[in-house]
Protein backbone atom coordinates (compact mmCIF):
# COMPACT_ATOMS: atom_id res chain seq x y z
CA MET A 1 -8.73 4.60 -17.08
CA SER A 2 -11.30 6.06 -14.71
CA GLY A 3 -11.59 9.32 -12.78
CA ARG A 4 -9.96 7.51 -9.87
CA ILE A 5 -6.74 7.31 -11.90
CA LEU A 6 -4.30 9.96 -13.11
CA GLU A 7 -2.23 8.69 -16.03
CA MET A 8 1.33 9.96 -15.79
CA PRO A 9 3.49 11.00 -18.81
CA VAL A 10 6.61 9.60 -17.17
CA ASN A 11 8.96 6.94 -18.56
CA ASP A 12 12.01 7.35 -16.32
CA TRP A 13 12.44 6.46 -12.64
CA GLN A 14 14.24 9.80 -12.09
CA TRP A 15 11.97 12.24 -13.86
CA GLY A 16 13.30 15.72 -14.49
CA HIS A 17 10.39 17.85 -13.29
CA SER A 18 7.27 17.86 -11.11
CA ASP A 19 3.77 19.27 -11.47
CA PRO A 20 1.68 20.53 -8.51
CA ALA A 21 -1.34 18.76 -10.01
CA TRP A 22 0.34 15.39 -9.44
CA ALA A 23 0.71 15.96 -5.71
CA ALA A 24 -2.83 17.32 -5.50
CA ALA A 25 -4.25 14.24 -7.22
CA LEU A 26 -2.24 11.81 -5.10
CA GLU A 27 -3.15 13.51 -1.83
CA ALA A 28 -6.81 13.73 -2.87
CA GLY A 29 -6.92 9.94 -3.07
CA LYS A 30 -6.22 9.21 -6.73
CA VAL A 31 -3.88 6.54 -8.06
CA LEU A 32 -0.95 7.76 -10.15
CA TYR A 33 -0.62 5.35 -13.07
CA PHE A 34 2.57 4.97 -15.14
CA PRO A 35 1.81 2.83 -18.19
CA GLN A 36 5.30 3.17 -19.70
CA LEU A 37 7.63 2.71 -16.74
CA PRO A 38 8.79 -0.92 -16.63
CA PHE A 39 11.00 -2.29 -13.92
CA ARG A 40 13.49 -4.17 -16.05
CA LEU A 41 14.78 -7.51 -14.84
CA GLN A 42 18.33 -8.59 -15.60
CA PRO A 43 18.49 -11.71 -17.83
CA GLN A 44 19.58 -13.87 -14.91
CA GLU A 45 16.68 -12.58 -12.80
CA GLN A 46 14.07 -14.28 -14.97
CA ALA A 47 14.74 -17.42 -12.93
CA LEU A 48 13.48 -15.56 -9.85
CA LEU A 49 9.94 -15.56 -11.27
CA ASP A 50 9.19 -18.75 -9.38
CA PRO A 51 6.59 -19.21 -6.60
CA GLN A 52 8.71 -22.06 -5.20
CA LEU A 53 11.10 -19.43 -3.83
CA LEU A 54 8.49 -18.43 -1.26
CA ALA A 55 9.04 -20.07 2.13
CA PRO A 56 6.14 -22.09 3.59
CA LYS A 57 3.45 -20.22 5.53
CA VAL A 58 4.53 -16.72 4.43
CA ARG A 59 2.69 -14.43 2.03
CA ASN A 60 5.58 -12.48 0.53
CA ILE A 61 9.34 -12.27 0.22
CA SER A 62 10.40 -9.00 1.84
CA LEU A 63 13.46 -6.83 2.29
CA ASP A 64 13.38 -5.11 5.66
CA GLY A 65 14.68 -1.66 6.50
CA ALA A 66 18.09 -3.06 7.43
CA GLY A 67 18.43 -4.77 4.03
CA GLU A 68 17.78 -8.32 5.29
CA LEU A 69 15.73 -10.54 2.97
CA LYS A 70 13.03 -12.61 4.66
CA GLY A 71 10.49 -15.16 3.49
CA ALA A 72 12.60 -16.85 0.80
CA GLN A 73 13.72 -20.46 0.59
CA ALA A 74 16.69 -20.45 -1.75
CA GLU A 75 20.34 -21.35 -2.11
CA ALA A 76 22.88 -18.66 -1.26
CA ASP A 77 23.36 -17.44 -4.85
CA THR A 78 19.62 -17.20 -5.47
CA HIS A 79 19.12 -15.50 -2.12
CA ARG A 80 21.70 -12.86 -3.07
CA ALA A 81 20.05 -12.39 -6.48
CA LEU A 82 16.65 -11.88 -4.84
CA THR A 83 18.14 -9.37 -2.42
CA GLU A 84 19.73 -7.42 -5.28
CA MET A 85 16.55 -7.40 -7.38
CA VAL A 86 14.26 -6.30 -4.56
CA GLY A 87 16.84 -3.76 -3.37
CA ARG A 88 17.12 -2.25 -6.85
CA PHE A 89 13.37 -1.82 -6.97
CA ARG A 90 13.48 -0.14 -3.54
CA HIS A 91 16.01 2.39 -4.83
CA GLN A 92 14.09 3.08 -8.04
CA ALA A 93 10.74 3.43 -6.27
CA GLN A 94 12.11 5.96 -3.80
CA SER A 95 13.84 7.87 -6.61
CA LEU A 96 10.58 8.04 -8.56
CA VAL A 97 8.58 9.47 -5.65
CA GLU A 98 11.24 11.99 -4.66
CA SER A 99 11.76 13.22 -8.22
CA LEU A 100 8.03 13.72 -8.87
CA LEU A 101 7.16 15.06 -5.41
CA PRO A 102 10.15 17.10 -4.21
CA ARG A 103 8.47 18.19 -0.97
CA TYR A 104 8.68 14.55 0.12
CA ARG A 105 12.42 14.41 -0.50
CA GLY A 106 14.23 13.71 2.75
CA ALA A 107 10.92 13.20 4.58
CA LEU A 108 10.14 9.63 3.55
CA ARG A 109 10.75 6.75 5.92
CA VAL A 110 11.55 3.60 3.96
CA ALA A 111 9.71 0.50 5.14
CA ALA A 112 9.73 -3.05 3.82
CA THR A 113 9.94 -3.86 0.12
CA SER A 114 8.01 -6.95 -0.91
CA TYR A 115 8.12 -9.40 -3.80
CA ARG A 116 4.83 -11.25 -4.32
CA PRO A 117 5.31 -14.27 -6.61
CA MET A 118 2.07 -16.09 -5.77
CA PRO A 119 -1.22 -15.65 -7.68
CA VAL A 120 -3.66 -13.56 -5.69
CA ASP A 121 -6.64 -15.82 -6.22
CA SER A 122 -4.83 -18.89 -4.81
CA ARG A 123 -4.76 -17.50 -1.27
CA ARG A 124 -7.04 -18.95 1.42
CA GLN A 125 -7.39 -16.40 4.19
CA SER A 126 -9.69 -15.08 6.88
CA TRP A 127 -12.03 -12.26 5.89
CA ARG A 128 -9.88 -9.78 7.82
CA ALA A 129 -6.72 -10.74 5.87
CA ASP A 130 -8.47 -11.10 2.51
CA ASP A 131 -7.20 -8.20 0.41
CA ARG A 132 -9.62 -9.05 -2.39
CA ARG A 133 -12.21 -7.28 -0.25
CA MET A 134 -12.46 -3.51 -0.53
CA HIS A 135 -10.54 -1.82 2.26
CA VAL A 136 -8.19 0.96 3.32
CA ASP A 137 -4.87 -0.06 4.84
CA ALA A 138 -4.25 0.02 8.59
CA PHE A 139 -1.73 -1.80 10.79
CA PRO A 140 -3.17 -3.91 13.65
CA SER A 141 0.11 -4.23 15.56
CA ARG A 142 1.97 -1.09 14.49
CA PRO A 143 0.22 2.14 15.46
CA ASN A 144 1.39 4.98 13.22
CA TYR A 145 -0.31 8.04 14.76
CA GLY A 146 -1.46 9.43 11.42
CA GLU A 147 1.72 8.78 9.44
CA ARG A 148 0.81 8.19 5.80
CA ILE A 149 1.19 4.85 3.98
CA LEU A 150 2.51 5.55 0.47
CA ARG A 151 2.96 2.53 -1.78
CA VAL A 152 4.66 2.00 -5.15
CA PHE A 153 3.68 -1.11 -7.13
CA THR A 154 4.96 -2.66 -10.35
CA ASN A 155 3.69 -5.66 -12.29
CA ILE A 156 6.57 -7.89 -13.47
CA ASN A 157 4.44 -10.78 -14.74
CA PRO A 158 6.26 -12.51 -17.64
CA HIS A 159 3.08 -13.99 -19.17
CA GLY A 160 1.23 -10.76 -19.98
CA GLU A 161 -1.21 -11.12 -17.06
CA PRO A 162 -2.48 -7.86 -15.52
CA ARG A 163 -2.83 -7.10 -11.82
CA VAL A 164 -6.55 -6.37 -11.42
CA TRP A 165 -7.68 -3.96 -8.71
CA ARG A 166 -11.01 -2.71 -7.45
CA LEU A 167 -11.07 1.01 -6.66
CA GLY A 168 -13.88 2.21 -4.43
CA GLU A 169 -15.42 5.37 -3.05
CA ARG A 170 -13.66 8.45 -1.71
CA PHE A 171 -12.20 8.23 1.79
CA ASP A 172 -14.61 10.88 3.05
CA ASP A 173 -17.51 8.70 1.88
CA VAL A 174 -15.98 5.61 3.51
CA VAL A 175 -15.79 7.52 6.80
CA ARG A 176 -19.35 8.79 6.45
CA THR A 177 -20.60 5.22 5.95
CA MET A 178 -18.40 3.28 8.36
CA LEU A 179 -17.56 5.64 11.22
CA PRO A 180 -21.01 5.44 12.86
CA ARG A 181 -20.50 1.66 13.19
CA ALA A 182 -17.10 1.94 14.85
CA LYS A 183 -16.62 0.55 18.32
CA ARG A 184 -15.71 3.10 20.96
CA TYR A 185 -12.02 3.67 21.66
CA VAL A 186 -11.08 2.57 25.18
CA ALA A 187 -7.74 3.91 26.39
CA TRP A 188 -7.15 1.23 29.01
CA GLN A 189 -7.66 -1.51 26.42
CA ALA A 190 -5.03 0.15 24.22
CA GLY A 191 -2.73 0.14 27.25
CA VAL A 192 -3.25 -3.58 27.84
CA LEU A 193 -2.49 -4.41 24.20
CA ASP A 194 0.71 -2.40 24.49
CA SER A 195 1.80 -3.93 27.80
CA LEU A 196 1.24 -7.46 26.44
CA GLY A 197 3.30 -6.72 23.36
CA ILE A 198 0.34 -7.26 21.01
CA THR A 199 0.97 -3.79 19.61
CA LYS A 200 4.40 -2.22 19.13
CA SER A 201 3.27 0.90 20.98
CA ARG A 202 0.06 2.22 22.52
CA ARG A 203 -2.72 2.40 19.92
CA SER A 204 -4.06 5.93 19.47
CA GLU A 205 -7.72 6.70 18.81
CA TYR A 206 -6.74 7.44 15.22
CA ASP A 207 -5.21 3.97 14.82
CA HIS A 208 -8.26 2.41 16.45
CA LEU A 209 -10.62 4.15 14.06
CA MET A 210 -8.55 3.26 10.98
CA LEU A 211 -8.65 -0.41 12.02
CA GLN A 212 -12.38 -0.10 12.54
CA LEU A 213 -12.83 1.29 9.02
CA HIS A 214 -10.70 -1.55 7.61
CA ASP A 215 -12.62 -4.24 9.48
CA GLN A 216 -16.10 -2.78 8.97
CA MET A 217 -15.49 -2.55 5.22
CA LYS A 218 -14.16 -6.08 4.88
CA SER A 219 -16.78 -7.72 7.11
CA ASP A 220 -19.79 -6.14 5.37
CA LEU A 221 -20.58 -8.38 2.40
CA THR A 222 -23.47 -6.15 1.30
CA TYR A 223 -21.09 -3.20 1.15
CA GLN A 224 -18.56 -5.29 -0.79
CA GLN A 225 -21.19 -6.20 -3.37
CA GLN A 226 -22.93 -2.84 -3.71
CA VAL A 227 -20.23 -0.19 -3.30
CA ASP A 228 -19.55 1.92 -6.36
CA GLU A 229 -16.30 0.59 -7.78
CA GLN A 230 -14.05 0.70 -10.83
CA ARG A 231 -12.02 -2.33 -11.89
CA VAL A 232 -8.60 -1.48 -13.25
CA ALA A 233 -6.15 -3.86 -14.92
CA PHE A 234 -2.51 -2.82 -14.47
CA PRO A 235 -0.53 -4.58 -17.22
CA PRO A 236 3.03 -5.90 -16.99
CA GLY A 237 5.56 -3.11 -17.35
CA SER A 238 3.39 -0.57 -15.54
CA VAL A 239 3.72 1.16 -12.16
CA TRP A 240 1.06 2.65 -9.89
CA VAL A 241 1.39 4.73 -6.74
CA CYS A 242 -1.16 5.61 -4.07
CA PHE A 243 -1.71 6.40 -0.42
CA SER A 244 -3.18 3.03 0.50
CA ASP A 245 -4.49 4.31 3.85
CA GLN A 246 -6.75 6.64 1.85
CA VAL A 247 -7.54 4.81 -1.39
CA SER A 248 -10.34 2.28 -1.02
CA HIS A 249 -9.09 -0.78 -2.91
CA GLY A 250 -9.01 -4.53 -3.31
CA VAL A 251 -6.91 -6.81 -5.51
CA LEU A 252 -8.71 -9.48 -7.52
CA SER A 253 -6.02 -11.21 -9.55
CA GLY A 254 -2.43 -11.14 -10.66
CA GLN A 255 0.94 -12.75 -9.99
CA TYR A 256 4.51 -11.47 -9.72
CA MET A 257 4.52 -7.98 -8.26
CA LEU A 258 7.00 -5.78 -6.43
CA GLU A 259 5.80 -3.27 -3.84
CA GLN A 260 7.56 -0.54 -1.85
CA THR A 261 6.06 1.01 1.27
CA LEU A 262 7.13 4.53 2.23
CA HIS A 263 5.89 6.45 5.26
CA LEU A 264 5.34 10.19 5.38
CA ALA A 265 4.47 12.41 8.33
CA VAL A 266 1.26 14.36 7.74
CA GLU A 267 3.01 17.71 8.16
CA ASN A 268 5.23 16.91 5.18
CA GLN A 269 2.31 16.61 2.78
CA TYR A 270 1.63 19.37 0.27
CA ASP A 271 -1.84 19.66 1.86
CA PRO A 272 -2.07 18.04 5.31
CA GLY A 273 -5.81 18.76 5.34
CA THR A 274 -6.41 15.89 2.91
CA SER A 275 -4.92 13.23 5.20
CA PRO A 276 -7.06 10.52 6.82
CA LEU A 277 -6.13 12.01 10.20
CA ALA A 278 -7.53 15.40 9.19
CA VAL A 279 -10.66 13.85 7.67
CA LEU A 280 -11.37 11.74 10.76
CA GLN A 281 -10.77 14.70 13.08
CA ARG A 282 -13.24 16.77 11.07
CA HIS A 283 -15.86 14.02 11.32
CA THR A 284 -15.34 13.38 15.04
CA GLY A 285 -14.73 16.99 16.02
CA ARG A 286 -11.76 16.16 18.25
CA ALA A 287 -8.05 15.44 18.21
CA LEU A 288 -7.34 11.73 17.69
CA ILE A 289 -3.61 11.52 18.56
């Protein structure tokens, strides 16, 4: 693996100790990679490895914060089995993060858990939604005011196929390249989006700039072709964890993956100064929320 990756000597979802270097690497924008930490399916769950379970016109099957499964087309028994499988991954993913990073314990806000049974390269999407393009994550309709986006992924492909990612430049370098191109934040426009219900709350300047970084990266084909990148193949039976609002990434191929999103307030980081909010405030010289 590359310098963008920290390989983790962990083979249990509730590891017995932590290391300050792990938190430092994660918060500096590295991906924590667990090559020997499989998410084990129950024998009866093998039947759930079927793209036909995905409802039409949706990208993923997801378990929301209230425990309701969405995006599946299945009979009641299969629906319950999907809910149990995705819910078990949610529990194990949260246990992994809290055991390795005890400062986060009790501070994580659990968001949706997704099951992605479709092959990545079969999607036909707009450039803005195309996650094969290098990007950092930002939410168009859900302003988060600097709250971190921590994601846990596992490859459950039964055919030995890896999940292939592109990993790009450091977040500070992304900001240095893309921030000068960003459109100016206009407070009244943010207010209109909020009043019309296009956003869940008023978009802050931080949220505006993060969306600008996301869109400027994805729309620039020269950048996509020339940016320094490392391609990483995550095999079945492996797990990887990163702050996806900070790690420049794209996904090129793969099928059958589970993903857990966890949110963390900046003040609960080991080093809040590494957050995208802190980096953007240093570059702009002003408060952004």
